[in-house]
Amino acid sequence: MSTHLEVRSAVEHAAVLRPLIEEQRLGRYALFFVTGDGEWLPNGIEEATGYVLDERGRIFSFELGWDAERCAVALTAWDQVEPEGHWLRSAEYQRARAAVGLGGD
């Protein structure tokens, strides 16, 4: 049962995040380390944090939250960050790199 909920959450997050990330005009990108935060937004989607890697190798951390003025989900935080050294040992990070054409290093 828990696996079903995790998959549902990942699919929902991807669907909600796609237009918000596309507004950033990154080109090709991949999500990694996306984690639900256990708090639910008014539209029923779980708050989340994670990272976006673009085809230029830039990494952005984000928080998916609620914009009360617009009454809509929003990227409530969006910051460019440097990769952590231990990420190179992560299969999820390597898949994100491969997805945007940066190889697996």
C-alpha atoms as a PDB file:
ATOM      1  CA  MET A   1       0.000   0.000   0.000  1.00  0.00           C
ATOM      2  CA  SER A   2       2.743   2.450   0.912  1.00  0.00           C
ATOM      3  CA  THR A   3       4.452   1.858  -2.439  1.00  0.00           C
ATOM      4  CA  HIS A   4       1.238   2.773  -4.268  1.00  0.00           C
ATOM      5  CA  LEU A   5       1.008   6.038  -2.335  1.00  0.00           C
ATOM      6  CA  GLU A   6       4.654   6.860  -3.049  1.00  0.00           C
ATOM      7  CA  VAL A   7       4.154   6.267  -6.777  1.00  0.00           C
ATOM      8  CA  ARG A   8       0.951   8.314  -6.774  1.00  0.00           C
ATOM      9  CA  SER A   9       2.754  11.129  -4.962  1.00  0.00           C
ATOM     10  CA  ALA A  10       5.675  11.063  -7.413  1.00  0.00           C
ATOM     11  CA  VAL A  11       3.337  11.167 -10.419  1.00  0.00           C
ATOM     12  CA  GLU A  12       1.267  13.964  -8.887  1.00  0.00           C
ATOM     13  CA  HIS A  13       4.368  15.961  -8.000  1.00  0.00           C
ATOM     14  CA  ALA A  14       5.738  15.602 -11.518  1.00  0.00           C
ATOM     15  CA  ALA A  15       2.453  16.762 -13.044  1.00  0.00           C
ATOM     16  CA  VAL A  16       2.215  19.777 -10.726  1.00  0.00           C
ATOM     17  CA  LEU A  17       5.900  20.671 -10.981  1.00  0.00           C
ATOM     18  CA  ARG A  18       6.152  20.464 -14.782  1.00  0.00           C
ATOM     19  CA  PRO A  19       4.460  23.800 -15.624  1.00  0.00           C
ATOM     20  CA  LEU A  20       6.076  25.574 -12.669  1.00  0.00           C
ATOM     21  CA  ILE A  21       9.557  24.457 -13.700  1.00  0.00           C
ATOM     22  CA  GLU A  22       8.904  25.192 -17.369  1.00  0.00           C
ATOM     23  CA  GLU A  23       8.216  28.812 -16.348  1.00  0.00           C
ATOM     24  CA  GLN A  24      11.905  28.945 -15.354  1.00  0.00           C
ATOM     25  CA  ARG A  25      12.893  28.364 -19.017  1.00  0.00           C
ATOM     26  CA  LEU A  26      15.613  25.818 -18.284  1.00  0.00           C
ATOM     27  CA  GLY A  27      15.335  23.732 -21.425  1.00  0.00           C
ATOM     28  CA  ARG A  28      15.743  20.043 -20.761  1.00  0.00           C
ATOM     29  CA  TYR A  29      15.711  19.182 -17.050  1.00  0.00           C
ATOM     30  CA  ALA A  30      15.410  16.302 -14.619  1.00  0.00           C
ATOM     31  CA  LEU A  31      14.095  16.105 -11.082  1.00  0.00           C
ATOM     32  CA  PHE A  32      15.967  14.279  -8.335  1.00  0.00           C
ATOM     33  CA  PHE A  33      15.718  13.773  -4.580  1.00  0.00           C
ATOM     34  CA  VAL A  34      12.082  14.945  -4.578  1.00  0.00           C
ATOM     35  CA  THR A  35      10.587  14.268  -1.168  1.00  0.00           C
ATOM     36  CA  GLY A  36       7.122  14.840   0.210  1.00  0.00           C
ATOM     37  CA  ASP A  37       7.191  16.868   3.418  1.00  0.00           C
ATOM     38  CA  GLY A  38       4.118  15.361   5.083  1.00  0.00           C
ATOM     39  CA  GLU A  39       2.092  18.578   4.888  1.00  0.00           C
ATOM     40  CA  TRP A  40      -0.839  18.820   2.493  1.00  0.00           C
ATOM     41  CA  LEU A  41      -1.738  21.816   0.354  1.00  0.00           C
ATOM     42  CA  PRO A  42      -5.350  22.987  -0.008  1.00  0.00           C
ATOM     43  CA  ASN A  43      -5.577  21.245  -3.400  1.00  0.00           C
ATOM     44  CA  GLY A  44      -4.643  17.873  -1.847  1.00  0.00           C
ATOM     45  CA  ILE A  45      -1.054  17.712  -3.128  1.00  0.00           C
ATOM     46  CA  GLU A  46       1.703  17.122  -0.612  1.00  0.00           C
ATOM     47  CA  GLU A  47       4.255  19.884  -0.045  1.00  0.00           C
ATOM     48  CA  ALA A  48       7.616  18.789  -1.421  1.00  0.00           C
ATOM     49  CA  THR A  49      11.249  19.714  -1.711  1.00  0.00           C
ATOM     50  CA  GLY A  50      13.828  18.544  -4.186  1.00  0.00           C
ATOM     51  CA  TYR A  51      16.279  19.456  -6.893  1.00  0.00           C
ATOM     52  CA  VAL A  52      16.197  20.212 -10.603  1.00  0.00           C
ATOM     53  CA  LEU A  53      19.192  19.628 -12.865  1.00  0.00           C
ATOM     54  CA  ASP A  54      19.210  21.343 -16.250  1.00  0.00           C
ATOM     55  CA  GLU A  55      21.062  20.481 -19.438  1.00  0.00           C
ATOM     56  CA  ARG A  56      23.717  23.112 -18.672  1.00  0.00           C
ATOM     57  CA  GLY A  57      24.567  21.328 -15.416  1.00  0.00           C
ATOM     58  CA  ARG A  58      22.949  23.919 -13.165  1.00  0.00           C
ATOM     59  CA  ILE A  59      21.175  22.642 -10.067  1.00  0.00           C
ATOM     60  CA  PHE A  60      18.266  24.352  -8.355  1.00  0.00           C
ATOM     61  CA  SER A  61      16.707  23.444  -5.035  1.00  0.00           C
ATOM     62  CA  PHE A  62      12.986  24.027  -4.780  1.00  0.00           C
ATOM     63  CA  GLU A  63      10.088  23.928  -2.394  1.00  0.00           C
ATOM     64  CA  LEU A  64       6.607  23.218  -3.668  1.00  0.00           C
ATOM     65  CA  GLY A  65       4.098  25.089  -1.547  1.00  0.00           C
ATOM     66  CA  TRP A  66       1.014  27.269  -1.641  1.00  0.00           C
ATOM     67  CA  ASP A  67       0.709  30.826  -2.944  1.00  0.00           C
ATOM     68  CA  ALA A  68      -2.120  32.249  -0.840  1.00  0.00           C
ATOM     69  CA  GLU A  69      -2.535  35.324  -3.055  1.00  0.00           C
ATOM     70  CA  ARG A  70      -3.096  33.247  -6.185  1.00  0.00           C
ATOM     71  CA  CYS A  71      -4.735  30.327  -4.346  1.00  0.00           C
ATOM     72  CA  ALA A  72      -2.499  27.951  -6.271  1.00  0.00           C
ATOM     73  CA  VAL A  73       0.523  25.716  -5.915  1.00  0.00           C
ATOM     74  CA  ALA A  74       3.802  27.514  -6.473  1.00  0.00           C
ATOM     75  CA  LEU A  75       7.533  27.172  -6.183  1.00  0.00           C
ATOM     76  CA  THR A  76       7.845  28.919  -2.834  1.00  0.00           C
ATOM     77  CA  ALA A  77      11.639  28.604  -2.959  1.00  0.00           C
ATOM     78  CA  TRP A  78      13.936  28.359  -5.983  1.00  0.00           C
ATOM     79  CA  ASP A  79      17.679  28.683  -5.453  1.00  0.00           C
ATOM     80  CA  GLN A  80      20.662  27.704  -7.546  1.00  0.00           C
ATOM     81  CA  VAL A  81      22.971  25.433  -5.535  1.00  0.00           C
ATOM     82  CA  GLU A  82      26.252  23.595  -5.968  1.00  0.00           C
ATOM     83  CA  PRO A  83      26.200  19.797  -6.118  1.00  0.00           C
ATOM     84  CA  GLU A  84      27.165  17.912  -2.985  1.00  0.00           C
ATOM     85  CA  GLY A  85      30.176  15.612  -3.428  1.00  0.00           C
ATOM     86  CA  HIS A  86      28.311  12.528  -2.208  1.00  0.00           C
ATOM     87  CA  TRP A  87      25.670  12.948  -4.918  1.00  0.00           C
ATOM     88  CA  LEU A  88      28.112  11.403  -7.402  1.00  0.00           C
ATOM     89  CA  ARG A  89      27.558   8.079  -5.606  1.00  0.00           C
ATOM     90  CA  SER A  90      23.772   8.361  -5.960  1.00  0.00           C
ATOM     91  CA  ALA A  91      22.052   6.367  -8.701  1.00  0.00           C
ATOM     92  CA  GLU A  92      19.176   8.872  -8.681  1.00  0.00           C
ATOM     93  CA  TYR A  93      21.538  11.796  -9.321  1.00  0.00           C
ATOM     94  CA  GLN A  94      23.332   9.837 -12.051  1.00  0.00           C
ATOM     95  CA  ARG A  95      19.977   9.072 -13.749  1.00  0.00           C
ATOM     96  CA  ALA A  96      19.124  12.789 -13.667  1.00  0.00           C
ATOM     97  CA  ARG A  97      22.493  13.623 -15.256  1.00  0.00           C
ATOM     98  CA  ALA A  98      21.960  11.016 -17.976  1.00  0.00           C
ATOM     99  CA  ALA A  99      18.398  12.266 -18.610  1.00  0.00           C
ATOM    100  CA  VAL A 100      19.672  15.743 -19.508  1.00  0.00           C
ATOM    101  CA  GLY A 101      22.605  14.455 -21.554  1.00  0.00           C
ATOM    102  CA  LEU A 102      25.390  15.085 -19.037  1.00  0.00           C
ATOM    103  CA  GLY A 103      26.438  11.453 -18.755  1.00  0.00           C
ATOM    104  CA  GLY A 104      26.979   9.514 -15.592  1.00  0.00           C
ATOM    105  CA  ASP A 105      30.386  10.895 -14.526  1.00  0.00           C
END
